[in-house]
Amino acid sequence: MCKEKEEKVVLCGANSYEMKYYFNEKFNGIPDSIKDELHILCVLFTEEVGGVFTIGFDEDGSVVLETNADDDDIYYDEISSGLMVSEVRRKRSELLESLSLYYRVFILHEDMSSILEEN
C-alpha cells in the first residue's frame, strides 16, 4: 500500500545561510502585529540555532515547526534545535493555536461552530 506524502503549507520561515525571511502572501490577512511576531520568532530561532526554521500547517490545520541544516554545517546542533522547538511550542502555544484556528477557518474553510465544539 502506497501512502501519499502529506502536503504541508509554509506560513513563514528564516534561513540563516542566506540571511533571509520568507512570509507566504497567502496569509496576508493575518494582523501585522502577528506577522511581526512571527518574523522576530523565526529570525531569533535561526540566530540562536542556525540552519533553516519554518512554521507551517499540515493537512488538518495543525501547526508544524520544522528546523534543518545543511549536511556540512558544523555549527548546527540538532539537540539544541529540538529543545528550542519544544520551547517555542510551550511559550507560544496561544499564538500557535490561534494560527491553527485561522488556517482552518480562512484557508480550509471549516465551519467555526464545529471547530469550537471540538474544544
PDB file of N, CA and C in Angstrom:
ATOM      1  N   MET A   1       0.847  -1.176   0.000  1.00  0.00           N
ATOM      2  CA  MET A   1       0.000   0.000   0.000  1.00  0.00           C
ATOM      3  C   MET A   1       0.894   1.240   0.000  1.00  0.00           C
ATOM      4  N   CYS A   2       0.624   2.157  -0.880  1.00  0.00           N
ATOM      5  CA  CYS A   2       1.408   3.375  -1.015  1.00  0.00           C
ATOM      6  C   CYS A   2       0.675   4.529  -0.327  1.00  0.00           C
ATOM      7  N   LYS A   3       1.326   5.122   0.642  1.00  0.00           N
ATOM      8  CA  LYS A   3       0.724   6.248   1.343  1.00  0.00           C
ATOM      9  C   LYS A   3       1.239   7.543   0.730  1.00  0.00           C
ATOM     10  N   GLU A   4       0.313   8.428   0.364  1.00  0.00           N
ATOM     11  CA  GLU A   4       0.724   9.703  -0.214  1.00  0.00           C
ATOM     12  C   GLU A   4       1.378  10.568   0.852  1.00  0.00           C
ATOM     13  N   LYS A   5       2.352  11.326   0.442  1.00  0.00           N
ATOM     14  CA  LYS A   5       3.030  12.237   1.357  1.00  0.00           C
ATOM     15  C   LYS A   5       2.081  13.381   1.706  1.00  0.00           C
ATOM     16  N   GLU A   6       2.010  13.686   3.003  1.00  0.00           N
ATOM     17  CA  GLU A   6       1.142  14.779   3.436  1.00  0.00           C
ATOM     18  C   GLU A   6       1.662  16.104   2.895  1.00  0.00           C
ATOM     19  N   GLU A   7       0.744  16.916   2.420  1.00  0.00           N
ATOM     20  CA  GLU A   7       1.101  18.236   1.926  1.00  0.00           C
ATOM     21  C   GLU A   7       1.181  19.210   3.092  1.00  0.00           C
ATOM     22  N   LYS A   8       2.236  19.969   3.133  1.00  0.00           N
ATOM     23  CA  LYS A   8       2.396  20.997   4.151  1.00  0.00           C
ATOM     24  C   LYS A   8       2.416  22.348   3.461  1.00  0.00           C
ATOM     25  N   VAL A   9       1.823  23.315   4.114  1.00  0.00           N
ATOM     26  CA  VAL A   9       1.804  24.672   3.605  1.00  0.00           C
ATOM     27  C   VAL A   9       2.689  25.507   4.529  1.00  0.00           C
ATOM     28  N   VAL A  10       3.681  26.177   3.965  1.00  0.00           N
ATOM     29  CA  VAL A  10       4.588  27.001   4.756  1.00  0.00           C
ATOM     30  C   VAL A  10       3.964  28.372   4.970  1.00  0.00           C
ATOM     31  N   LEU A  11       3.921  28.782   6.226  1.00  0.00           N
ATOM     32  CA  LEU A  11       3.448  30.116   6.590  1.00  0.00           C
ATOM     33  C   LEU A  11       4.605  31.109   6.514  1.00  0.00           C
ATOM     34  N   CYS A  12       5.715  30.765   7.168  1.00  0.00           N
ATOM     35  CA  CYS A  12       6.877  31.656   7.176  1.00  0.00           C
ATOM     36  C   CYS A  12       8.111  30.864   7.567  1.00  0.00           C
ATOM     37  N   GLY A  13       9.262  31.489   7.388  1.00  0.00           N
ATOM     38  CA  GLY A  13      10.498  30.827   7.748  1.00  0.00           C
ATOM     39  C   GLY A  13      11.689  31.745   7.623  1.00  0.00           C
ATOM     40  N   ALA A  14      12.772  31.327   8.236  1.00  0.00           N
ATOM     41  CA  ALA A  14      14.020  32.079   8.159  1.00  0.00           C
ATOM     42  C   ALA A  14      15.149  31.125   7.801  1.00  0.00           C
ATOM     43  N   ASN A  15      16.111  31.655   7.070  1.00  0.00           N
ATOM     44  CA  ASN A  15      17.247  30.884   6.592  1.00  0.00           C
ATOM     45  C   ASN A  15      18.521  31.592   7.032  1.00  0.00           C
ATOM     46  N   SER A  16      19.275  30.942   7.925  1.00  0.00           N
ATOM     47  CA  SER A  16      20.495  31.580   8.441  1.00  0.00           C
ATOM     48  C   SER A  16      21.614  31.627   7.411  1.00  0.00           C
ATOM     49  N   TYR A  17      21.563  30.765   6.401  1.00  0.00           N
ATOM     50  CA  TYR A  17      22.615  30.731   5.389  1.00  0.00           C
ATOM     51  C   TYR A  17      22.507  31.912   4.427  1.00  0.00           C
ATOM     52  N   GLU A  18      21.275  32.223   4.068  1.00  0.00           N
ATOM     53  CA  GLU A  18      21.049  33.323   3.126  1.00  0.00           C
ATOM     54  C   GLU A  18      20.645  34.614   3.827  1.00  0.00           C
ATOM     55  N   MET A  19      20.501  34.543   5.145  1.00  0.00           N
ATOM     56  CA  MET A  19      20.080  35.704   5.953  1.00  0.00           C
ATOM     57  C   MET A  19      18.775  36.290   5.397  1.00  0.00           C
ATOM     58  N   LYS A  20      17.791  35.389   5.174  1.00  0.00           N
ATOM     59  CA  LYS A  20      16.524  35.820   4.595  1.00  0.00           C
ATOM     60  C   LYS A  20      15.359  35.318   5.428  1.00  0.00           C
ATOM     61  N   TYR A  21      14.266  36.077   5.353  1.00  0.00           N
ATOM     62  CA  TYR A  21      12.997  35.712   5.979  1.00  0.00           C
ATOM     63  C   TYR A  21      11.950  35.620   4.882  1.00  0.00           C
ATOM     64  N   TYR A  22      11.072  34.631   4.982  1.00  0.00           N
ATOM     65  CA  TYR A  22      10.019  34.431   3.990  1.00  0.00           C
ATOM     66  C   TYR A  22       8.669  34.435   4.694  1.00  0.00           C
ATOM     67  N   PHE A  23       7.696  35.129   4.099  1.00  0.00           N
ATOM     68  CA  PHE A  23       6.319  35.089   4.584  1.00  0.00           C
ATOM     69  C   PHE A  23       5.420  34.800   3.391  1.00  0.00           C
ATOM     70  N   ASN A  24       4.576  33.780   3.511  1.00  0.00           N
ATOM     71  CA  ASN A  24       3.681  33.362   2.441  1.00  0.00           C
ATOM     72  C   ASN A  24       2.556  34.390   2.272  1.00  0.00           C
ATOM     73  N   GLU A  25       2.486  35.014   1.100  1.00  0.00           N
ATOM     74  CA  GLU A  25       1.500  36.069   0.818  1.00  0.00           C
ATOM     75  C   GLU A  25       0.063  35.567   0.914  1.00  0.00           C
ATOM     76  N   LYS A  26      -0.122  34.272   0.870  1.00  0.00           N
ATOM     77  CA  LYS A  26      -1.461  33.689   1.013  1.00  0.00           C
ATOM     78  C   LYS A  26      -2.071  34.037   2.378  1.00  0.00           C
ATOM     79  N   PHE A  27      -1.208  34.405   3.322  1.00  0.00           N
ATOM     80  CA  PHE A  27      -1.640  34.691   4.691  1.00  0.00           C
ATOM     81  C   PHE A  27      -1.597  36.184   5.032  1.00  0.00           C
ATOM     82  N   ASN A  28      -1.716  37.035   4.027  1.00  0.00           N
ATOM     83  CA  ASN A  28      -1.673  38.480   4.271  1.00  0.00           C
ATOM     84  C   ASN A  28      -2.797  38.978   5.169  1.00  0.00           C
ATOM     85  N   GLY A  29      -3.856  38.189   5.355  1.00  0.00           N
ATOM     86  CA  GLY A  29      -4.960  38.565   6.229  1.00  0.00           C
ATOM     87  C   GLY A  29      -4.621  38.512   7.704  1.00  0.00           C
ATOM     88  N   ILE A  30      -3.506  37.904   8.030  1.00  0.00           N
ATOM     89  CA  ILE A  30      -3.072  37.849   9.429  1.00  0.00           C
ATOM     90  C   ILE A  30      -2.688  39.265   9.861  1.00  0.00           C
ATOM     91  N   PRO A  31      -3.102  39.682  11.058  1.00  0.00           N
ATOM     92  CA  PRO A  31      -2.760  41.041  11.528  1.00  0.00           C
ATOM     93  C   PRO A  31      -1.253  41.299  11.512  1.00  0.00           C
ATOM     94  N   ASP A  32      -0.893  42.552  11.230  1.00  0.00           N
ATOM     95  CA  ASP A  32       0.523  42.928  11.138  1.00  0.00           C
ATOM     96  C   ASP A  32       1.291  42.632  12.421  1.00  0.00           C
ATOM     97  N   SER A  33       0.654  42.794  13.570  1.00  0.00           N
ATOM     98  CA  SER A  33       1.347  42.536  14.833  1.00  0.00           C
ATOM     99  C   SER A  33       1.750  41.061  14.942  1.00  0.00           C
ATOM    100  N   ILE A  34       0.909  40.167  14.435  1.00  0.00           N
ATOM    101  CA  ILE A  34       1.222  38.732  14.446  1.00  0.00           C
ATOM    102  C   ILE A  34       2.314  38.440  13.420  1.00  0.00           C
ATOM    103  N   LYS A  35       2.224  39.080  12.254  1.00  0.00           N
ATOM    104  CA  LYS A  35       3.278  38.915  11.245  1.00  0.00           C
ATOM    105  C   LYS A  35       4.630  39.341  11.817  1.00  0.00           C
ATOM    106  N   ASP A  36       4.643  40.468  12.533  1.00  0.00           N
ATOM    107  CA  ASP A  36       5.890  40.944  13.140  1.00  0.00           C
ATOM    108  C   ASP A  36       6.413  39.954  14.174  1.00  0.00           C
ATOM    109  N   GLU A  37       5.505  39.408  14.976  1.00  0.00           N
ATOM    110  CA  GLU A  37       5.899  38.433  15.995  1.00  0.00           C
ATOM    111  C   GLU A  37       6.487  37.173  15.345  1.00  0.00           C
ATOM    112  N   LEU A  38       5.876  36.726  14.271  1.00  0.00           N
ATOM    113  CA  LEU A  38       6.381  35.556  13.554  1.00  0.00           C
ATOM    114  C   LEU A  38       7.759  35.829  12.953  1.00  0.00           C
ATOM    115  N   HIS A  39       7.925  37.031  12.402  1.00  0.00           N
ATOM    116  CA  HIS A  39       9.210  37.433  11.816  1.00  0.00           C
ATOM    117  C   HIS A  39      10.308  37.375  12.886  1.00  0.00           C
ATOM    118  N   ILE A  40      10.042  37.986  14.018  1.00  0.00           N
ATOM    119  CA  ILE A  40      11.019  38.007  15.111  1.00  0.00           C
ATOM    120  C   ILE A  40      11.310  36.593  15.595  1.00  0.00           C
ATOM    121  N   LEU A  41      10.273  35.795  15.772  1.00  0.00           N
ATOM    122  CA  LEU A  41      10.425  34.426  16.252  1.00  0.00           C
ATOM    123  C   LEU A  41      11.325  33.608  15.324  1.00  0.00           C
ATOM    124  N   CYS A  42      11.054  33.662  14.027  1.00  0.00           N
ATOM    125  CA  CYS A  42      11.841  32.885  13.057  1.00  0.00           C
ATOM    126  C   CYS A  42      13.297  33.338  12.999  1.00  0.00           C
ATOM    127  N   VAL A  43      13.501  34.643  12.950  1.00  0.00           N
ATOM    128  CA  VAL A  43      14.865  35.162  12.839  1.00  0.00           C
ATOM    129  C   VAL A  43      15.670  34.861  14.109  1.00  0.00           C
ATOM    130  N   LEU A  44      15.064  35.065  15.284  1.00  0.00           N
ATOM    131  CA  LEU A  44      15.778  34.764  16.528  1.00  0.00           C
ATOM    132  C   LEU A  44      16.097  33.279  16.641  1.00  0.00           C
ATOM    133  N   PHE A  45      15.186  32.434  16.169  1.00  0.00           N
ATOM    134  CA  PHE A  45      15.426  30.993  16.196  1.00  0.00           C
ATOM    135  C   PHE A  45      16.680  30.650  15.393  1.00  0.00           C
ATOM    136  N   THR A  46      16.751  31.159  14.170  1.00  0.00           N
ATOM    137  CA  THR A  46      17.905  30.816  13.327  1.00  0.00           C
ATOM    138  C   THR A  46      19.192  31.486  13.803  1.00  0.00           C
ATOM    139  N   GLU A  47      19.082  32.634  14.457  1.00  0.00           N
ATOM    140  CA  GLU A  47      20.283  33.250  15.029  1.00  0.00           C
ATOM    141  C   GLU A  47      20.823  32.415  16.184  1.00  0.00           C
ATOM    142  N   GLU A  48      19.923  31.837  16.950  1.00  0.00           N
ATOM    143  CA  GLU A  48      20.312  31.038  18.108  1.00  0.00           C
ATOM    144  C   GLU A  48      20.837  29.657  17.702  1.00  0.00           C
ATOM    145  N   VAL A  49      20.134  29.001  16.787  1.00  0.00           N
ATOM    146  CA  VAL A  49      20.418  27.606  16.452  1.00  0.00           C
ATOM    147  C   VAL A  49      21.106  27.448  15.099  1.00  0.00           C
ATOM    148  N   GLY A  50      20.810  28.356  14.167  1.00  0.00           N
ATOM    149  CA  GLY A  50      21.345  28.232  12.813  1.00  0.00           C
ATOM    150  C   GLY A  50      20.388  27.467  11.928  1.00  0.00           C
ATOM    151  N   GLY A  51      20.835  27.161  10.742  1.00  0.00           N
ATOM    152  CA  GLY A  51      20.034  26.371   9.818  1.00  0.00           C
ATOM    153  C   GLY A  51      18.842  27.115   9.254  1.00  0.00           C
ATOM    154  N   VAL A  52      17.785  26.360   8.987  1.00  0.00           N
ATOM    155  CA  VAL A  52      16.549  26.884   8.420  1.00  0.00           C
ATOM    156  C   VAL A  52      15.415  26.510   9.359  1.00  0.00           C
ATOM    157  N   PHE A  53      14.540  27.465   9.638  1.00  0.00           N
ATOM    158  CA  PHE A  53      13.393  27.235  10.515  1.00  0.00           C
ATOM    159  C   PHE A  53      12.130  27.669   9.794  1.00  0.00           C
ATOM    160  N   THR A  54      11.119  26.800   9.777  1.00  0.00           N
ATOM    161  CA  THR A  54       9.851  27.146   9.135  1.00  0.00           C
ATOM    162  C   THR A  54       8.674  26.845  10.051  1.00  0.00           C
ATOM    163  N   ILE A  55       7.642  27.641   9.877  1.00  0.00           N
ATOM    164  CA  ILE A  55       6.363  27.419  10.541  1.00  0.00           C
ATOM    165  C   ILE A  55       5.349  27.200   9.426  1.00  0.00           C
ATOM    166  N   GLY A  56       4.594  26.128   9.540  1.00  0.00           N
ATOM    167  CA  GLY A  56       3.622  25.819   8.507  1.00  0.00           C
ATOM    168  C   GLY A  56       2.451  25.043   9.079  1.00  0.00           C
ATOM    169  N   PHE A  57       1.673  24.458   8.174  1.00  0.00           N
ATOM    170  CA  PHE A  57       0.486  23.714   8.568  1.00  0.00           C
ATOM    171  C   PHE A  57       0.459  22.388   7.833  1.00  0.00           C
ATOM    172  N   ASP A  58      -0.020  21.342   8.523  1.00  0.00           N
ATOM    173  CA  ASP A  58      -0.230  20.085   7.823  1.00  0.00           C
ATOM    174  C   ASP A  58      -1.671  20.041   7.318  1.00  0.00           C
ATOM    175  N   GLU A  59      -2.066  18.930   6.734  1.00  0.00           N
ATOM    176  CA  GLU A  59      -3.369  18.835   6.067  1.00  0.00           C
ATOM    177  C   GLU A  59      -4.559  19.150   6.970  1.00  0.00           C
ATOM    178  N   ASP A  60      -4.471  18.789   8.257  1.00  0.00           N
ATOM    179  CA  ASP A  60      -5.612  19.001   9.149  1.00  0.00           C
ATOM    180  C   ASP A  60      -5.593  20.372   9.831  1.00  0.00           C
ATOM    181  N   GLY A  61      -4.593  21.191   9.518  1.00  0.00           N
ATOM    182  CA  GLY A  61      -4.524  22.533  10.076  1.00  0.00           C
ATOM    183  C   GLY A  61      -3.647  22.655  11.305  1.00  0.00           C
ATOM    184  N   SER A  62      -3.016  21.574  11.716  1.00  0.00           N
ATOM    185  CA  SER A  62      -2.095  21.643  12.859  1.00  0.00           C
ATOM    186  C   SER A  62      -0.840  22.408  12.458  1.00  0.00           C
ATOM    187  N   VAL A  63      -0.318  23.171  13.410  1.00  0.00           N
ATOM    188  CA  VAL A  63       0.901  23.940  13.154  1.00  0.00           C
ATOM    189  C   VAL A  63       2.105  23.002  13.203  1.00  0.00           C
ATOM    190  N   VAL A  64       2.979  23.155  12.213  1.00  0.00           N
ATOM    191  CA  VAL A  64       4.191  22.345  12.114  1.00  0.00           C
ATOM    192  C   VAL A  64       5.392  23.273  12.227  1.00  0.00           C
ATOM    193  N   LEU A  65       6.283  22.977  13.166  1.00  0.00           N
ATOM    194  CA  LEU A  65       7.538  23.720  13.321  1.00  0.00           C
ATOM    195  C   LEU A  65       8.652  22.788  12.856  1.00  0.00           C
ATOM    196  N   GLU A  66       9.426  23.235  11.871  1.00  0.00           N
ATOM    197  CA  GLU A  66      10.496  22.396  11.337  1.00  0.00           C
ATOM    198  C   GLU A  66      11.813  23.160  11.310  1.00  0.00           C
ATOM    199  N   THR A  67      12.865  22.446  11.616  1.00  0.00           N
ATOM    200  CA  THR A  67      14.201  23.011  11.534  1.00  0.00           C
ATOM    201  C   THR A  67      15.127  21.980  10.903  1.00  0.00           C
ATOM    202  N   ASN A  68      16.025  22.463  10.074  1.00  0.00           N
ATOM    203  CA  ASN A  68      17.008  21.579   9.460  1.00  0.00           C
ATOM    204  C   ASN A  68      18.224  22.388   9.077  1.00  0.00           C
ATOM    205  N   ALA A  69      19.253  21.669   8.676  1.00  0.00           N
ATOM    206  CA  ALA A  69      20.509  22.337   8.330  1.00  0.00           C
ATOM    207  C   ALA A  69      21.184  21.620   7.184  1.00  0.00           C
ATOM    208  N   ASP A  70      22.099  22.328   6.557  1.00  0.00           N
ATOM    209  CA  ASP A  70      22.935  21.719   5.524  1.00  0.00           C
ATOM    210  C   ASP A  70      23.787  20.622   6.167  1.00  0.00           C
ATOM    211  N   ASP A  71      24.089  19.584   5.407  1.00  0.00           N
ATOM    212  CA  ASP A  71      24.877  18.470   5.934  1.00  0.00           C
ATOM    213  C   ASP A  71      26.253  18.895   6.416  1.00  0.00           C
ATOM    214  N   ASP A  72      26.824  19.911   5.788  1.00  0.00           N
ATOM    215  CA  ASP A  72      28.180  20.332   6.153  1.00  0.00           C
ATOM    216  C   ASP A  72      28.209  21.467   7.183  1.00  0.00           C
ATOM    217  N   ASP A  73      27.079  21.767   7.806  1.00  0.00           N
ATOM    218  CA  ASP A  73      27.012  22.836   8.808  1.00  0.00           C
ATOM    219  C   ASP A  73      27.466  22.287  10.159  1.00  0.00           C
ATOM    220  N   ILE A  74      28.718  22.547  10.509  1.00  0.00           N
ATOM    221  CA  ILE A  74      29.264  22.012  11.760  1.00  0.00           C
ATOM    222  C   ILE A  74      28.783  22.777  12.998  1.00  0.00           C
ATOM    223  N   TYR A  75      28.179  23.928  12.809  1.00  0.00           N
ATOM    224  CA  TYR A  75      27.712  24.733  13.935  1.00  0.00           C
ATOM    225  C   TYR A  75      26.278  24.406  14.359  1.00  0.00           C
ATOM    226  N   TYR A  76      25.538  23.743  13.490  1.00  0.00           N
ATOM    227  CA  TYR A  76      24.141  23.403  13.779  1.00  0.00           C
ATOM    228  C   TYR A  76      24.083  22.252  14.776  1.00  0.00           C
ATOM    229  N   ASP A  77      23.303  22.423  15.826  1.00  0.00           N
ATOM    230  CA  ASP A  77      23.173  21.414  16.870  1.00  0.00           C
ATOM    231  C   ASP A  77      21.740  20.888  16.881  1.00  0.00           C
ATOM    232  N   GLU A  78      21.562  19.632  16.460  1.00  0.00           N
ATOM    233  CA  GLU A  78      20.220  19.058  16.373  1.00  0.00           C
ATOM    234  C   GLU A  78      19.534  18.986  17.729  1.00  0.00           C
ATOM    235  N   ILE A  79      20.277  18.703  18.775  1.00  0.00           N
ATOM    236  CA  ILE A  79      19.685  18.616  20.116  1.00  0.00           C
ATOM    237  C   ILE A  79      19.180  19.985  20.555  1.00  0.00           C
ATOM    238  N   SER A  80      19.995  21.000  20.386  1.00  0.00           N
ATOM    239  CA  SER A  80      19.575  22.364  20.752  1.00  0.00           C
ATOM    240  C   SER A  80      18.377  22.810  19.928  1.00  0.00           C
ATOM    241  N   SER A  81      18.364  22.463  18.651  1.00  0.00           N
ATOM    242  CA  SER A  81      17.249  22.877  17.810  1.00  0.00           C
ATOM    243  C   SER A  81      15.958  22.194  18.257  1.00  0.00           C
ATOM    244  N   GLY A  82      16.044  20.920  18.622  1.00  0.00           N
ATOM    245  CA  GLY A  82      14.870  20.205  19.124  1.00  0.00           C
ATOM    246  C   GLY A  82      14.348  20.806  20.414  1.00  0.00           C
ATOM    247  N   LEU A  83      15.276  21.167  21.303  1.00  0.00           N
ATOM    248  CA  LEU A  83      14.883  21.807  22.566  1.00  0.00           C
ATOM    249  C   LEU A  83      14.243  23.171  22.317  1.00  0.00           C
ATOM    250  N   MET A  84      14.785  23.888  21.343  1.00  0.00           N
ATOM    251  CA  MET A  84      14.258  25.210  21.017  1.00  0.00           C
ATOM    252  C   MET A  84      12.849  25.101  20.423  1.00  0.00           C
ATOM    253  N   VAL A  85      12.612  24.109  19.574  1.00  0.00           N
ATOM    254  CA  VAL A  85      11.267  23.896  19.024  1.00  0.00           C
ATOM    255  C   VAL A  85      10.286  23.614  20.163  1.00  0.00           C
ATOM    256  N   SER A  86      10.690  22.776  21.115  1.00  0.00           N
ATOM    257  CA  SER A  86       9.831  22.477  22.266  1.00  0.00           C
ATOM    258  C   SER A  86       9.540  23.730  23.080  1.00  0.00           C
ATOM    259  N   GLU A  87      10.546  24.574  23.239  1.00  0.00           N
ATOM    260  CA  GLU A  87      10.367  25.819  23.987  1.00  0.00           C
ATOM    261  C   GLU A  87       9.400  26.760  23.264  1.00  0.00           C
ATOM    262  N   VAL A  88       9.529  26.859  21.947  1.00  0.00           N
ATOM    263  CA  VAL A  88       8.611  27.695  21.170  1.00  0.00           C
ATOM    264  C   VAL A  88       7.190  27.164  21.318  1.00  0.00           C
ATOM    265  N   ARG A  89       7.010  25.852  21.209  1.00  0.00           N
ATOM    266  CA  ARG A  89       5.677  25.253  21.360  1.00  0.00           C
ATOM    267  C   ARG A  89       5.084  25.567  22.733  1.00  0.00           C
ATOM    268  N   ARG A  90       5.907  25.501  23.757  1.00  0.00           N
ATOM    269  CA  ARG A  90       5.437  25.742  25.120  1.00  0.00           C
ATOM    270  C   ARG A  90       5.140  27.225  25.369  1.00  0.00           C
ATOM    271  N   LYS A  91       6.073  28.089  25.016  1.00  0.00           N
ATOM    272  CA  LYS A  91       5.933  29.517  25.321  1.00  0.00           C
ATOM    273  C   LYS A  91       4.982  30.250  24.377  1.00  0.00           C
ATOM    274  N   ARG A  92       4.813  29.746  23.188  1.00  0.00           N
ATOM    275  CA  ARG A  92       3.975  30.413  22.174  1.00  0.00           C
ATOM    276  C   ARG A  92       2.741  29.575  21.830  1.00  0.00           C
ATOM    277  N   SER A  93       2.287  28.750  22.776  1.00  0.00           N
ATOM    278  CA  SER A  93       1.170  27.843  22.487  1.00  0.00           C
ATOM    279  C   SER A  93      -0.094  28.600  22.084  1.00  0.00           C
ATOM    280  N   GLU A  94      -0.356  29.733  22.723  1.00  0.00           N
ATOM    281  CA  GLU A  94      -1.549  30.504  22.374  1.00  0.00           C
ATOM    282  C   GLU A  94      -1.461  31.038  20.943  1.00  0.00           C
ATOM    283  N   LEU A  95      -0.308  31.535  20.558  1.00  0.00           N
ATOM    284  CA  LEU A  95      -0.094  32.016  19.192  1.00  0.00           C
ATOM    285  C   LEU A  95      -0.285  30.875  18.189  1.00  0.00           C
ATOM    286  N   LEU A  96       0.300  29.719  18.481  1.00  0.00           N
ATOM    287  CA  LEU A  96       0.224  28.587  17.567  1.00  0.00           C
ATOM    288  C   LEU A  96      -1.213  28.076  17.439  1.00  0.00           C
ATOM    289  N   GLU A  97      -1.955  28.056  18.544  1.00  0.00           N
ATOM    290  CA  GLU A  97      -3.360  27.647  18.493  1.00  0.00           C
ATOM    291  C   GLU A  97      -4.173  28.631  17.655  1.00  0.00           C
ATOM    292  N   SER A  98      -3.893  29.917  17.803  1.00  0.00           N
ATOM    293  CA  SER A  98      -4.601  30.933  17.021  1.00  0.00           C
ATOM    294  C   SER A  98      -4.294  30.800  15.534  1.00  0.00           C
ATOM    295  N   LEU A  99      -3.044  30.518  15.204  1.00  0.00           N
ATOM    296  CA  LEU A  99      -2.663  30.321  13.802  1.00  0.00           C
ATOM    297  C   LEU A  99      -3.380  29.106  13.209  1.00  0.00           C
ATOM    298  N   SER A 100      -3.472  28.038  13.986  1.00  0.00           N
ATOM    299  CA  SER A 100      -4.171  26.849  13.529  1.00  0.00           C
ATOM    300  C   SER A 100      -5.645  27.158  13.280  1.00  0.00           C
ATOM    301  N   LEU A 101      -6.261  27.889  14.183  1.00  0.00           N
ATOM    302  CA  LEU A 101      -7.661  28.276  14.030  1.00  0.00           C
ATOM    303  C   LEU A 101      -7.846  29.142  12.783  1.00  0.00           C
ATOM    304  N   TYR A 102      -6.955  30.112  12.583  1.00  0.00           N
ATOM    305  CA  TYR A 102      -7.000  30.969  11.400  1.00  0.00           C
ATOM    306  C   TYR A 102      -6.933  30.121  10.124  1.00  0.00           C
ATOM    307  N   TYR A 103      -5.996  29.202  10.094  1.00  0.00           N
ATOM    308  CA  TYR A 103      -5.803  28.363   8.914  1.00  0.00           C
ATOM    309  C   TYR A 103      -7.047  27.517   8.630  1.00  0.00           C
ATOM    310  N   ARG A 104      -7.577  26.917   9.681  1.00  0.00           N
ATOM    311  CA  ARG A 104      -8.738  26.044   9.498  1.00  0.00           C
ATOM    312  C   ARG A 104      -9.969  26.822   9.023  1.00  0.00           C
ATOM    313  N   VAL A 105     -10.171  28.042   9.525  1.00  0.00           N
ATOM    314  CA  VAL A 105     -11.352  28.819   9.160  1.00  0.00           C
ATOM    315  C   VAL A 105     -11.179  29.526   7.819  1.00  0.00           C
ATOM    316  N   PHE A 106     -10.057  30.230   7.627  1.00  0.00           N
ATOM    317  CA  PHE A 106      -9.899  31.079   6.444  1.00  0.00           C
ATOM    318  C   PHE A 106      -9.261  30.397   5.240  1.00  0.00           C
ATOM    319  N   ILE A 107      -8.511  29.336   5.467  1.00  0.00           N
ATOM    320  CA  ILE A 107      -7.846  28.651   4.353  1.00  0.00           C
ATOM    321  C   ILE A 107      -8.580  27.346   4.013  1.00  0.00           C
ATOM    322  N   LEU A 108      -8.870  26.536   5.030  1.00  0.00           N
ATOM    323  CA  LEU A 108      -9.567  25.270   4.790  1.00  0.00           C
ATOM    324  C   LEU A 108     -11.083  25.446   4.739  1.00  0.00           C
ATOM    325  N   HIS A 109     -11.562  26.618   5.161  1.00  0.00           N
ATOM    326  CA  HIS A 109     -12.992  26.960   5.159  1.00  0.00           C
ATOM    327  C   HIS A 109     -13.827  25.990   5.989  1.00  0.00           C
ATOM    328  N   GLU A 110     -13.282  25.595   7.151  1.00  0.00           N
ATOM    329  CA  GLU A 110     -14.039  24.759   8.066  1.00  0.00           C
ATOM    330  C   GLU A 110     -15.067  25.619   8.795  1.00  0.00           C
ATOM    331  N   ASP A 111     -16.124  24.989   9.244  1.00  0.00           N
ATOM    332  CA  ASP A 111     -17.178  25.680   9.969  1.00  0.00           C
ATOM    333  C   ASP A 111     -16.695  25.993  11.387  1.00  0.00           C
ATOM    334  N   MET A 112     -16.783  27.264  11.765  1.00  0.00           N
ATOM    335  CA  MET A 112     -16.296  27.712  13.068  1.00  0.00           C
ATOM    336  C   MET A 112     -17.013  26.991  14.214  1.00  0.00           C
ATOM    337  N   SER A 113     -18.310  26.756  14.084  1.00  0.00           N
ATOM    338  CA  SER A 113     -19.048  26.119  15.182  1.00  0.00           C
ATOM    339  C   SER A 113     -18.578  24.686  15.414  1.00  0.00           C
ATOM    340  N   SER A 114     -18.220  23.968  14.354  1.00  0.00           N
ATOM    341  CA  SER A 114     -17.724  22.594  14.546  1.00  0.00           C
ATOM    342  C   SER A 114     -16.334  22.610  15.191  1.00  0.00           C
ATOM    343  N   ILE A 115     -15.541  23.604  14.881  1.00  0.00           N
ATOM    344  CA  ILE A 115     -14.208  23.714  15.496  1.00  0.00           C
ATOM    345  C   ILE A 115     -14.354  24.005  16.978  1.00  0.00           C
ATOM    346  N   LEU A 116     -15.257  24.901  17.341  1.00  0.00           N
ATOM    347  CA  LEU A 116     -15.460  25.256  18.741  1.00  0.00           C
ATOM    348  C   LEU A 116     -16.013  24.075  19.538  1.00  0.00           C
ATOM    349  N   GLU A 117     -16.834  23.233  18.905  1.00  0.00           N
ATOM    350  CA  GLU A 117     -17.376  22.050  19.575  1.00  0.00           C
ATOM    351  C   GLU A 117     -16.278  21.045  19.911  1.00  0.00           C
ATOM    352  N   GLU A 118     -15.218  21.012  19.116  1.00  0.00           N
ATOM    353  CA  GLU A 118     -14.088  20.102  19.376  1.00  0.00           C
ATOM    354  C   GLU A 118     -13.406  20.440  20.689  1.00  0.00           C
ATOM    355  N   ASN A 119     -13.356  21.728  21.009  1.00  0.00           N
ATOM    356  CA  ASN A 119     -12.656  22.178  22.210  1.00  0.00           C
ATOM    357  C   ASN A 119     -13.604  22.190  23.340  1.00  0.00           C
TER     358      ASN A 119
END
